[in-house]
């Protein structure tokens, strides 16, 4: 799917969706990236089966395609996705007690 997301596992629950889950061995918190159509949802998750009801922006964020101004500045969807994945990895590490 996305070559730099390779520390976890990919699943395909449907033809229009792909889910990447990354939880380090022995840790409780990790991240989940859900690719849905033209956007991605990046979440810090508390276990593999975790689901959130209206989580705050610290735990979940939707990444959409860059708007015109972002494209003019050279920002791609992949750049936005990488930045959000790194942010959620930091949240998961903090919740796991790793700084």
PDB file of N, CA and C in Angstrom:
ATOM      1  N   UNK A   1       0.825  -1.196   0.000  1.00  0.00           N
ATOM      2  CA  UNK A   1       0.000   0.000   0.000  1.00  0.00           C
ATOM      3  C   UNK A   1       0.871   1.263   0.000  1.00  0.00           C
ATOM      4  N   UNK A   2       1.345   1.638   1.180  1.00  0.00           N
ATOM      5  CA  UNK A   2       2.228   2.799   1.309  1.00  0.00           C
ATOM      6  C   UNK A   2       3.554   2.262   1.832  1.00  0.00           C
ATOM      7  N   UNK A   3       4.626   2.366   1.039  1.00  0.00           N
ATOM      8  CA  UNK A   3       5.875   1.684   1.389  1.00  0.00           C
ATOM      9  C   UNK A   3       6.474   2.071   2.743  1.00  0.00           C
ATOM     10  N   UNK A   4       6.314   3.308   3.173  1.00  0.00           N
ATOM     11  CA  UNK A   4       6.927   3.722   4.439  1.00  0.00           C
ATOM     12  C   UNK A   4       6.092   3.335   5.657  1.00  0.00           C
ATOM     13  N   UNK A   5       4.911   2.799   5.448  1.00  0.00           N
ATOM     14  CA  UNK A   5       4.122   2.229   6.552  1.00  0.00           C
ATOM     15  C   UNK A   5       4.359   0.721   6.534  1.00  0.00           C
ATOM     16  N   UNK A   6       5.448   0.308   7.185  1.00  0.00           N
ATOM     17  CA  UNK A   6       5.845  -1.097   7.100  1.00  0.00           C
ATOM     18  C   UNK A   6       6.187  -1.718   8.455  1.00  0.00           C
ATOM     19  N   UNK A   7       5.888  -1.033   9.553  1.00  0.00           N
ATOM     20  CA  UNK A   7       6.176  -1.580  10.888  1.00  0.00           C
ATOM     21  C   UNK A   7       5.017  -2.400  11.439  1.00  0.00           C
ATOM     22  N   UNK A   8       3.869  -2.329  10.809  1.00  0.00           N
ATOM     23  CA  UNK A   8       2.673  -3.017  11.296  1.00  0.00           C
ATOM     24  C   UNK A   8       2.107  -3.940  10.237  1.00  0.00           C
ATOM     25  N   UNK A   9       0.772  -4.059  10.232  1.00  0.00           N
ATOM     26  CA  UNK A   9       0.138  -4.945   9.253  1.00  0.00           C
ATOM     27  C   UNK A   9      -1.008  -4.231   8.543  1.00  0.00           C
ATOM     28  N   UNK A  10      -1.199  -4.612   7.290  1.00  0.00           N
ATOM     29  CA  UNK A  10      -2.267  -4.070   6.454  1.00  0.00           C
ATOM     30  C   UNK A  10      -3.406  -5.065   6.381  1.00  0.00           C
ATOM     31  N   UNK A  11      -4.633  -4.543   6.344  1.00  0.00           N
ATOM     32  CA  UNK A  11      -5.833  -5.355   6.146  1.00  0.00           C
ATOM     33  C   UNK A  11      -6.707  -4.663   5.111  1.00  0.00           C
ATOM     34  N   UNK A  12      -7.526  -5.438   4.422  1.00  0.00           N
ATOM     35  CA  UNK A  12      -8.458  -4.884   3.435  1.00  0.00           C
ATOM     36  C   UNK A  12      -9.867  -5.339   3.785  1.00  0.00           C
ATOM     37  N   UNK A  13     -10.562  -4.620   4.678  1.00  0.00           N
ATOM     38  CA  UNK A  13     -11.914  -5.045   5.042  1.00  0.00           C
ATOM     39  C   UNK A  13     -12.921  -4.920   3.899  1.00  0.00           C
ATOM     40  N   UNK A  14     -12.645  -4.048   2.932  1.00  0.00           N
ATOM     41  CA  UNK A  14     -13.524  -3.922   1.765  1.00  0.00           C
ATOM     42  C   UNK A  14     -12.695  -3.425   0.589  1.00  0.00           C
ATOM     43  N   UNK A  15     -13.307  -3.388  -0.582  1.00  0.00           N
ATOM     44  CA  UNK A  15     -12.597  -2.932  -1.776  1.00  0.00           C
ATOM     45  C   UNK A  15     -12.286  -1.447  -1.740  1.00  0.00           C
ATOM     46  N   UNK A  16     -13.014  -0.685  -0.954  1.00  0.00           N
ATOM     47  CA  UNK A  16     -12.817   0.766  -0.926  1.00  0.00           C
ATOM     48  C   UNK A  16     -12.070   1.235   0.318  1.00  0.00           C
ATOM     49  N   UNK A  17     -11.561   0.300   1.113  1.00  0.00           N
ATOM     50  CA  UNK A  17     -10.919   0.680   2.367  1.00  0.00           C
ATOM     51  C   UNK A  17      -9.692  -0.197   2.620  1.00  0.00           C
ATOM     52  N   UNK A  18      -8.651   0.404   3.203  1.00  0.00           N
ATOM     53  CA  UNK A  18      -7.481  -0.341   3.662  1.00  0.00           C
ATOM     54  C   UNK A  18      -7.136   0.166   5.057  1.00  0.00           C
ATOM     55  N   UNK A  19      -6.764  -0.754   5.935  1.00  0.00           N
ATOM     56  CA  UNK A  19      -6.474  -0.396   7.323  1.00  0.00           C
ATOM     57  C   UNK A  19      -5.075  -0.885   7.677  1.00  0.00           C
ATOM     58  N   UNK A  20      -4.266   0.038   8.198  1.00  0.00           N
ATOM     59  CA  UNK A  20      -2.922  -0.280   8.666  1.00  0.00           C
ATOM     60  C   UNK A  20      -2.909  -0.124  10.180  1.00  0.00           C
ATOM     61  N   UNK A  21      -2.448  -1.155  10.890  1.00  0.00           N
ATOM     62  CA  UNK A  21      -2.378  -1.115  12.350  1.00  0.00           C
ATOM     63  C   UNK A  21      -0.940  -1.355  12.771  1.00  0.00           C
ATOM     64  N   UNK A  22      -0.459  -0.494  13.677  1.00  0.00           N
ATOM     65  CA  UNK A  22       0.926  -0.591  14.145  1.00  0.00           C
ATOM     66  C   UNK A  22       0.952  -0.461  15.664  1.00  0.00           C
ATOM     67  N   UNK A  23       1.232  -1.564  16.343  1.00  0.00           N
ATOM     68  CA  UNK A  23       1.413  -1.564  17.795  1.00  0.00           C
ATOM     69  C   UNK A  23       2.707  -2.318  18.060  1.00  0.00           C
ATOM     70  N   UNK A  24       3.657  -1.650  18.712  1.00  0.00           N
ATOM     71  CA  UNK A  24       4.944  -2.280  18.982  1.00  0.00           C
ATOM     72  C   UNK A  24       4.766  -3.418  19.977  1.00  0.00           C
ATOM     73  N   UNK A  25       5.563  -4.491  19.836  1.00  0.00           N
ATOM     74  CA  UNK A  25       5.449  -5.635  20.751  1.00  0.00           C
ATOM     75  C   UNK A  25       5.615  -5.212  22.213  1.00  0.00           C
ATOM     76  N   UNK A  26       4.730  -5.694  23.056  1.00  0.00           N
ATOM     77  CA  UNK A  26       4.784  -5.389  24.475  1.00  0.00           C
ATOM     78  C   UNK A  26       4.190  -4.045  24.857  1.00  0.00           C
ATOM     79  N   UNK A  27       3.683  -3.302  23.890  1.00  0.00           N
ATOM     80  CA  UNK A  27       3.093  -1.990  24.153  1.00  0.00           C
ATOM     81  C   UNK A  27       1.580  -2.088  24.034  1.00  0.00           C
ATOM     82  N   UNK A  28       0.897  -1.151  24.663  1.00  0.00           N
ATOM     83  CA  UNK A  28      -0.569  -1.131  24.623  1.00  0.00           C
ATOM     84  C   UNK A  28      -1.082  -0.179  23.548  1.00  0.00           C
ATOM     85  N   UNK A  29      -0.452   1.003  23.426  1.00  0.00           N
ATOM     86  CA  UNK A  29      -0.893   2.023  22.476  1.00  0.00           C
ATOM     87  C   UNK A  29      -0.141   1.906  21.161  1.00  0.00           C
ATOM     88  N   UNK A  30      -0.833   2.243  20.078  1.00  0.00           N
ATOM     89  CA  UNK A  30      -0.236   2.244  18.751  1.00  0.00           C
ATOM     90  C   UNK A  30      -1.006   3.190  17.848  1.00  0.00           C
ATOM     91  N   UNK A  31      -0.878   2.983  16.538  1.00  0.00           N
ATOM     92  CA  UNK A  31      -1.597   3.830  15.588  1.00  0.00           C
ATOM     93  C   UNK A  31      -2.389   2.965  14.612  1.00  0.00           C
ATOM     94  N   UNK A  32      -3.423   3.585  14.050  1.00  0.00           N
ATOM     95  CA  UNK A  32      -4.197   2.961  12.977  1.00  0.00           C
ATOM     96  C   UNK A  32      -4.391   4.006  11.893  1.00  0.00           C
ATOM     97  N   UNK A  33      -4.118   3.616  10.653  1.00  0.00           N
ATOM     98  CA  UNK A  33      -4.337   4.477   9.495  1.00  0.00           C
ATOM     99  C   UNK A  33      -5.388   3.789   8.637  1.00  0.00           C
ATOM    100  N   UNK A  34      -6.493   4.476   8.402  1.00  0.00           N
ATOM    101  CA  UNK A  34      -7.569   3.932   7.581  1.00  0.00           C
ATOM    102  C   UNK A  34      -7.666   4.761   6.313  1.00  0.00           C
ATOM    103  N   UNK A  35      -7.421   4.124   5.176  1.00  0.00           N
ATOM    104  CA  UNK A  35      -7.543   4.794   3.881  1.00  0.00           C
ATOM    105  C   UNK A  35      -8.952   4.559   3.367  1.00  0.00           C
ATOM    106  N   UNK A  36      -9.699   5.654   3.198  1.00  0.00           N
ATOM    107  CA  UNK A  36     -11.097   5.575   2.785  1.00  0.00           C
ATOM    108  C   UNK A  36     -11.288   6.529   1.616  1.00  0.00           C
ATOM    109  N   UNK A  37     -11.441   5.999   0.430  1.00  0.00           N
ATOM    110  CA  UNK A  37     -11.686   6.864  -0.728  1.00  0.00           C
ATOM    111  C   UNK A  37     -10.602   7.906  -0.909  1.00  0.00           C
ATOM    112  N   UNK A  38     -10.973   9.176  -0.761  1.00  0.00           N
ATOM    113  CA  UNK A  38     -10.027  10.263  -1.025  1.00  0.00           C
ATOM    114  C   UNK A  38      -9.463  10.898   0.244  1.00  0.00           C
ATOM    115  N   UNK A  39      -9.596  10.230   1.391  1.00  0.00           N
ATOM    116  CA  UNK A  39      -8.987  10.760   2.613  1.00  0.00           C
ATOM    117  C   UNK A  39      -8.490   9.605   3.477  1.00  0.00           C
ATOM    118  N   UNK A  40      -7.749   9.943   4.520  1.00  0.00           N
ATOM    119  CA  UNK A  40      -7.240   8.940   5.460  1.00  0.00           C
ATOM    120  C   UNK A  40      -7.557   9.395   6.878  1.00  0.00           C
ATOM    121  N   UNK A  41      -7.873   8.459   7.734  1.00  0.00           N
ATOM    122  CA  UNK A  41      -8.066   8.750   9.160  1.00  0.00           C
ATOM    123  C   UNK A  41      -6.878   8.141   9.903  1.00  0.00           C
ATOM    124  N   UNK A  42      -6.188   8.978  10.674  1.00  0.00           N
ATOM    125  CA  UNK A  42      -5.024   8.537  11.447  1.00  0.00           C
ATOM    126  C   UNK A  42      -5.394   8.638  12.919  1.00  0.00           C
ATOM    127  N   UNK A  43      -5.239   7.518  13.652  1.00  0.00           N
ATOM    128  CA  UNK A  43      -5.666   7.469  15.049  1.00  0.00           C
ATOM    129  C   UNK A  43      -4.573   6.891  15.938  1.00  0.00           C
ATOM    130  N   UNK A  44      -4.478   7.402  17.148  1.00  0.00           N
ATOM    131  CA  UNK A  44      -3.722   6.741  18.210  1.00  0.00           C
ATOM    132  C   UNK A  44      -4.720   5.813  18.891  1.00  0.00           C
ATOM    133  N   UNK A  45      -4.376   4.532  18.993  1.00  0.00           N
ATOM    134  CA  UNK A  45      -5.345   3.550  19.489  1.00  0.00           C
ATOM    135  C   UNK A  45      -4.839   2.847  20.747  1.00  0.00           C
ATOM    136  N   UNK A  46      -5.772   2.473  21.581  1.00  0.00           N
ATOM    137  CA  UNK A  46      -5.506   1.764  22.830  1.00  0.00           C
ATOM    138  C   UNK A  46      -5.820   0.291  22.609  1.00  0.00           C
ATOM    139  N   UNK A  47      -4.932  -0.418  21.941  1.00  0.00           N
ATOM    140  CA  UNK A  47      -5.140  -1.824  21.628  1.00  0.00           C
ATOM    141  C   UNK A  47      -5.653  -2.007  20.211  1.00  0.00           C
ATOM    142  N   UNK A  48      -5.470  -3.208  19.701  1.00  0.00           N
ATOM    143  CA  UNK A  48      -5.785  -3.483  18.296  1.00  0.00           C
ATOM    144  C   UNK A  48      -7.268  -3.349  17.955  1.00  0.00           C
ATOM    145  N   UNK A  49      -8.148  -3.678  18.876  1.00  0.00           N
ATOM    146  CA  UNK A  49      -9.594  -3.639  18.613  1.00  0.00           C
ATOM    147  C   UNK A  49     -10.246  -2.335  19.068  1.00  0.00           C
ATOM    148  N   UNK A  50      -9.446  -1.342  19.385  1.00  0.00           N
ATOM    149  CA  UNK A  50      -9.952  -0.074  19.913  1.00  0.00           C
ATOM    150  C   UNK A  50     -10.812   0.661  18.878  1.00  0.00           C
ATOM    151  N   UNK A  51     -11.894   1.255  19.342  1.00  0.00           N
ATOM    152  CA  UNK A  51     -12.683   2.156  18.500  1.00  0.00           C
ATOM    153  C   UNK A  51     -13.084   3.350  19.353  1.00  0.00           C
ATOM    154  N   UNK A  52     -13.141   4.499  18.738  1.00  0.00           N
ATOM    155  CA  UNK A  52     -13.431   5.736  19.458  1.00  0.00           C
ATOM    156  C   UNK A  52     -14.777   6.294  19.020  1.00  0.00           C
ATOM    157  N   UNK A  53     -15.470   6.916  19.946  1.00  0.00           N
ATOM    158  CA  UNK A  53     -16.676   7.664  19.631  1.00  0.00           C
ATOM    159  C   UNK A  53     -16.351   9.128  19.833  1.00  0.00           C
ATOM    160  N   UNK A  54     -16.296   9.866  18.763  1.00  0.00           N
ATOM    161  CA  UNK A  54     -15.970  11.296  18.778  1.00  0.00           C
ATOM    162  C   UNK A  54     -14.682  11.608  19.553  1.00  0.00           C
ATOM    163  N   UNK A  55     -13.546  11.045  19.123  1.00  0.00           N
ATOM    164  CA  UNK A  55     -12.291  11.355  19.816  1.00  0.00           C
ATOM    165  C   UNK A  55     -11.832  12.770  19.504  1.00  0.00           C
ATOM    166  N   UNK A  56     -11.012  13.311  20.364  1.00  0.00           N
ATOM    167  CA  UNK A  56     -10.468  14.646  20.132  1.00  0.00           C
ATOM    168  C   UNK A  56      -9.361  14.609  19.087  1.00  0.00           C
ATOM    169  N   UNK A  57      -8.894  15.774  18.655  1.00  0.00           N
ATOM    170  CA  UNK A  57      -7.867  15.837  17.614  1.00  0.00           C
ATOM    171  C   UNK A  57      -6.528  15.245  18.050  1.00  0.00           C
ATOM    172  N   UNK A  58      -6.306  15.132  19.357  1.00  0.00           N
ATOM    173  CA  UNK A  58      -5.063  14.508  19.805  1.00  0.00           C
ATOM    174  C   UNK A  58      -5.037  13.027  19.441  1.00  0.00           C
ATOM    175  N   UNK A  59      -6.202  12.373  19.429  1.00  0.00           N
ATOM    176  CA  UNK A  59      -6.275  10.940  19.174  1.00  0.00           C
ATOM    177  C   UNK A  59      -6.629  10.581  17.740  1.00  0.00           C
ATOM    178  N   UNK A  60      -7.357  11.412  17.037  1.00  0.00           N
ATOM    179  CA  UNK A  60      -7.804  11.066  15.690  1.00  0.00           C
ATOM    180  C   UNK A  60      -7.878  12.303  14.810  1.00  0.00           C
ATOM    181  N   UNK A  61      -7.415  12.152  13.577  1.00  0.00           N
ATOM    182  CA  UNK A  61      -7.488  13.271  12.639  1.00  0.00           C
ATOM    183  C   UNK A  61      -7.697  12.726  11.236  1.00  0.00           C
ATOM    184  N   UNK A  62      -8.567  13.389  10.491  1.00  0.00           N
ATOM    185  CA  UNK A  62      -8.768  13.051   9.086  1.00  0.00           C
ATOM    186  C   UNK A  62      -7.797  13.864   8.247  1.00  0.00           C
ATOM    187  N   UNK A  63      -7.110  13.184   7.342  1.00  0.00           N
ATOM    188  CA  UNK A  63      -6.165  13.838   6.443  1.00  0.00           C
ATOM    189  C   UNK A  63      -6.800  13.857   5.064  1.00  0.00           C
ATOM    190  N   UNK A  64      -7.002  15.053   4.546  1.00  0.00           N
ATOM    191  CA  UNK A  64      -7.640  15.212   3.236  1.00  0.00           C
ATOM    192  C   UNK A  64      -6.604  15.643   2.206  1.00  0.00           C
ATOM    193  N   UNK A  65      -6.965  15.559   0.948  1.00  0.00           N
ATOM    194  CA  UNK A  65      -6.073  15.994  -0.128  1.00  0.00           C
ATOM    195  C   UNK A  65      -5.713  17.468   0.069  1.00  0.00           C
ATOM    196  N   UNK A  66      -4.522  17.870  -0.353  1.00  0.00           N
ATOM    197  CA  UNK A  66      -4.121  19.269  -0.164  1.00  0.00           C
ATOM    198  C   UNK A  66      -5.009  20.215  -0.963  1.00  0.00           C
ATOM    199  N   UNK A  67      -5.289  21.370  -0.354  1.00  0.00           N
ATOM    200  CA  UNK A  67      -6.066  22.375  -1.070  1.00  0.00           C
ATOM    201  C   UNK A  67      -5.150  23.136  -2.037  1.00  0.00           C
ATOM    202  N   UNK A  68      -5.692  24.099  -2.739  1.00  0.00           N
ATOM    203  CA  UNK A  68      -4.932  24.815  -3.764  1.00  0.00           C
ATOM    204  C   UNK A  68      -3.691  25.488  -3.188  1.00  0.00           C
ATOM    205  N   UNK A  69      -3.831  26.172  -2.064  1.00  0.00           N
ATOM    206  CA  UNK A  69      -2.678  26.862  -1.477  1.00  0.00           C
ATOM    207  C   UNK A  69      -1.596  25.882  -1.035  1.00  0.00           C
ATOM    208  N   UNK A  70      -2.003  24.747  -0.485  1.00  0.00           N
ATOM    209  CA  UNK A  70      -1.020  23.731  -0.086  1.00  0.00           C
ATOM    210  C   UNK A  70      -0.310  23.153  -1.304  1.00  0.00           C
ATOM    211  N   UNK A  71      -1.052  22.907  -2.370  1.00  0.00           N
ATOM    212  CA  UNK A  71      -0.424  22.390  -3.595  1.00  0.00           C
ATOM    213  C   UNK A  71       0.559  23.392  -4.177  1.00  0.00           C
ATOM    214  N   UNK A  72       0.213  24.677  -4.121  1.00  0.00           N
ATOM    215  CA  UNK A  72       1.132  25.707  -4.618  1.00  0.00           C
ATOM    216  C   UNK A  72       2.418  25.746  -3.791  1.00  0.00           C
ATOM    217  N   UNK A  73       2.327  25.427  -2.507  1.00  0.00           N
ATOM    218  CA  UNK A  73       3.514  25.381  -1.651  1.00  0.00           C
ATOM    219  C   UNK A  73       4.259  24.057  -1.776  1.00  0.00           C
ATOM    220  N   UNK A  74       3.767  23.148  -2.607  1.00  0.00           N
ATOM    221  CA  UNK A  74       4.447  21.879  -2.846  1.00  0.00           C
ATOM    222  C   UNK A  74       4.126  20.790  -1.841  1.00  0.00           C
ATOM    223  N   UNK A  75       3.043  20.953  -1.092  1.00  0.00           N
ATOM    224  CA  UNK A  75       2.655  19.958  -0.093  1.00  0.00           C
ATOM    225  C   UNK A  75       1.766  18.911  -0.762  1.00  0.00           C
ATOM    226  N   UNK A  76       2.124  17.650  -0.593  1.00  0.00           N
ATOM    227  CA  UNK A  76       1.344  16.562  -1.182  1.00  0.00           C
ATOM    228  C   UNK A  76       0.519  15.860  -0.101  1.00  0.00           C
ATOM    229  N   UNK A  77      -0.394  15.002  -0.537  1.00  0.00           N
ATOM    230  CA  UNK A  77      -1.186  14.203   0.400  1.00  0.00           C
ATOM    231  C   UNK A  77      -0.262  13.333   1.245  1.00  0.00           C
ATOM    232  N   UNK A  78       0.761  12.773   0.620  1.00  0.00           N
ATOM    233  CA  UNK A  78       1.705  11.916   1.341  1.00  0.00           C
ATOM    234  C   UNK A  78       2.446  12.698   2.425  1.00  0.00           C
ATOM    235  N   UNK A  79       2.816  13.954   2.138  1.00  0.00           N
ATOM    236  CA  UNK A  79       3.472  14.802   3.146  1.00  0.00           C
ATOM    237  C   UNK A  79       2.554  15.014   4.347  1.00  0.00           C
ATOM    238  N   UNK A  80       1.292  15.316   4.073  1.00  0.00           N
ATOM    239  CA  UNK A  80       0.332  15.542   5.157  1.00  0.00           C
ATOM    240  C   UNK A  80       0.117  14.259   5.966  1.00  0.00           C
ATOM    241  N   UNK A  81       0.026  13.132   5.266  1.00  0.00           N
ATOM    242  CA  UNK A  81      -0.179  11.850   5.935  1.00  0.00           C
ATOM    243  C   UNK A  81       1.023  11.493   6.809  1.00  0.00           C
ATOM    244  N   UNK A  82       2.236  11.677   6.280  1.00  0.00           N
ATOM    245  CA  UNK A  82       3.445  11.383   7.065  1.00  0.00           C
ATOM    246  C   UNK A  82       3.495  12.220   8.336  1.00  0.00           C
ATOM    247  N   UNK A  83       3.182  13.504   8.218  1.00  0.00           N
ATOM    248  CA  UNK A  83       3.220  14.393   9.379  1.00  0.00           C
ATOM    249  C   UNK A  83       2.225  13.938  10.442  1.00  0.00           C
ATOM    250  N   UNK A  84       1.038  13.550  10.022  1.00  0.00           N
ATOM    251  CA  UNK A  84       0.023  13.123  10.996  1.00  0.00           C
ATOM    252  C   UNK A  84       0.368  11.767  11.607  1.00  0.00           C
ATOM    253  N   UNK A  85       0.933  10.854  10.813  1.00  0.00           N
ATOM    254  CA  UNK A  85       1.357   9.559  11.354  1.00  0.00           C
ATOM    255  C   UNK A  85       2.426   9.771  12.426  1.00  0.00           C
ATOM    256  N   UNK A  86       3.390  10.636  12.154  1.00  0.00           N
ATOM    257  CA  UNK A  86       4.438  10.914  13.150  1.00  0.00           C
ATOM    258  C   UNK A  86       3.846  11.537  14.413  1.00  0.00           C
ATOM    259  N   UNK A  87       2.885  12.436  14.250  1.00  0.00           N
ATOM    260  CA  UNK A  87       2.237  13.056  15.417  1.00  0.00           C
ATOM    261  C   UNK A  87       1.521  12.001  16.259  1.00  0.00           C
ATOM    262  N   UNK A  88       0.810  11.084  15.615  1.00  0.00           N
ATOM    263  CA  UNK A  88       0.084  10.050  16.361  1.00  0.00           C
ATOM    264  C   UNK A  88       1.048   9.024  16.961  1.00  0.00           C
ATOM    265  N   UNK A  89       2.177   8.763  16.310  1.00  0.00           N
ATOM    266  CA  UNK A  89       3.189   7.883  16.912  1.00  0.00           C
ATOM    267  C   UNK A  89       3.716   8.498  18.205  1.00  0.00           C
ATOM    268  N   UNK A  90       3.877   9.818  18.225  1.00  0.00           N
ATOM    269  CA  UNK A  90       4.336  10.500  19.442  1.00  0.00           C
ATOM    270  C   UNK A  90       3.289  10.396  20.548  1.00  0.00           C
ATOM    271  N   UNK A  91       2.009  10.545  20.185  1.00  0.00           N
ATOM    272  CA  UNK A  91       0.932  10.405  21.175  1.00  0.00           C
ATOM    273  C   UNK A  91       0.939   8.987  21.746  1.00  0.00           C
ATOM    274  N   UNK A  92       1.055   7.982  20.873  1.00  0.00           N
ATOM    275  CA  UNK A  92       1.070   6.588  21.331  1.00  0.00           C
ATOM    276  C   UNK A  92       2.278   6.330  22.227  1.00  0.00           C
ATOM    277  N   UNK A  93       3.441   6.858  21.853  1.00  0.00           N
ATOM    278  CA  UNK A  93       4.644   6.669  22.673  1.00  0.00           C
ATOM    279  C   UNK A  93       4.464   7.317  24.043  1.00  0.00           C
ATOM    280  N   UNK A  94       3.872   8.510  24.071  1.00  0.00           N
ATOM    281  CA  UNK A  94       3.637   9.189  25.350  1.00  0.00           C
ATOM    282  C   UNK A  94       2.667   8.388  26.219  1.00  0.00           C
ATOM    283  N   UNK A  95       1.630   7.837  25.614  1.00  0.00           N
ATOM    284  CA  UNK A  95       0.653   7.044  26.377  1.00  0.00           C
ATOM    285  C   UNK A  95       1.266   5.725  26.853  1.00  0.00           C
ATOM    286  N   UNK A  96       2.262   5.219  26.099  1.00  0.00           N
ATOM    287  CA  UNK A  96       2.970   4.010  26.515  1.00  0.00           C
ATOM    288  C   UNK A  96       4.027   4.299  27.573  1.00  0.00           C
ATOM    289  N   UNK A  97       4.253   5.583  27.867  1.00  0.00           N
ATOM    290  CA  UNK A  97       5.243   5.947  28.866  1.00  0.00           C
ATOM    291  C   UNK A  97       6.644   6.103  28.322  1.00  0.00           C
ATOM    292  N   UNK A  98       6.777   6.199  26.993  1.00  0.00           N
ATOM    293  CA  UNK A  98       8.079   6.388  26.351  1.00  0.00           C
ATOM    294  C   UNK A  98       8.154   7.827  25.889  1.00  0.00           C
ATOM    295  N   UNK A  99       9.254   8.508  26.183  1.00  0.00           N
ATOM    296  CA  UNK A  99       9.355   9.914  25.754  1.00  0.00           C
ATOM    297  C   UNK A  99      10.246  10.065  24.551  1.00  0.00           C
TER     298      UNK A  99
END
